[in-house]
Amino acid sequence: MSRLDAAVEDYLTLRHGLGFTLKGARPLLADFTAFLDRHGAETITTDLAVAWATAPTGVDPLWWRQRLGTVREFARYLATINPHTQIPPVDLLPARHNRRTPYLYTEAEITALMAAGQALSPPLRAATYTTLVGLLMVTGLRLGEAIALDRGDLKTDTSTLIVRHGKNGRSREIPLHPTSLQALLEYRATAKRVIPQPVSPSLLVSTRGTRLCQSAVHPTFQVMLTQAGLQPRGTRCHPRLHDARHSLAVQALIHWYDDGADVDAKLPLLSAFLGHANPASTYWYLQAAPELFSRVADRLDHLPGASS
């Protein structure tokens, strides 16, 4: 192990001990130190950091900025050990995150997706993916949160799901409609019948009884999309599993607007339900979904003093 590789291990151990997850940092830093080694460099320079960060071609510039940010944080640590370390300035590789237009599923499309899931084989795979899609649609869970659920996280006495592995380590409790609870209980019984002794405590299991992994879920979802006949609605609006979350949020907002509710007062509730640490993430839906524009405009037209 090289001196830089050892420094990476010490850095990651320190950051993990402070509670940082640093998702994806290890392989990136391993690749970076290998890059430095190929260039005969014994420490970090800004020029080499930028050259490594911008090496991938045909990618969003935001990915370059994120790669450089990973190196910058490591360089700050390394500078306390090696004063010759250069810390890349924060204003290098400016880029902004351009969110995709959310694909808002219609009821007919959800029905078609569920039917596509039921057509999968073998039966346990069909049950798992039908349950996964249905769960995402009614709870707004992130995919990672859903596949991290354990059987014990389904609380029948309170009709809730305990999300223990939310974004940035946050946990929350999700209330379930009686029909959703029943569907999950039926799935759990089906999985137990097919695999009496699963190797994982996961609520959603593969045909081998193991926890689902995202690398397998996404290709299967693409099969379901094709079977259901769902097509992109533009270059930046493709149906994704994450859009189940967007669809739930927008439908909740539409329902509140149509009912004349105090949307500003209810938004914090939606933020908590979705596990947003920053309410701004929830407010984004007000500008991201054209379906909401007419509701917002109509509400503004009826405010006292609004022009006719």
Foldseek 3Di string as FASTA:
>chain_A
DDPQLVLVVVVVVVVVVVQDPCPPLNVLSVVLVVQCVVVVHPAADQVSLLCSLPVDPPDALVSSLVSSVSVLVSLVVVCVVPVVHDRHDNPPSDDDDDAFQFAADDPLLLVLLLVLLCPDDDRLSSLLLSLLLVCCLVQLEDSVQQLPFFPVQQDPVQQWGWRQCHPSRDIAIAHHDPVNSVSLVVSQVVVCVQPVDAPDRTSRADNNNHGDDPVVSFVVSVSSCVSSVDDAPDPRYGDDSSSSSLNNLLVVLVVCLVVVHPVVVCLVVSCRSNVPPDSVVSVVSCVSDPVNPVSVVVVQCPDPPHDD
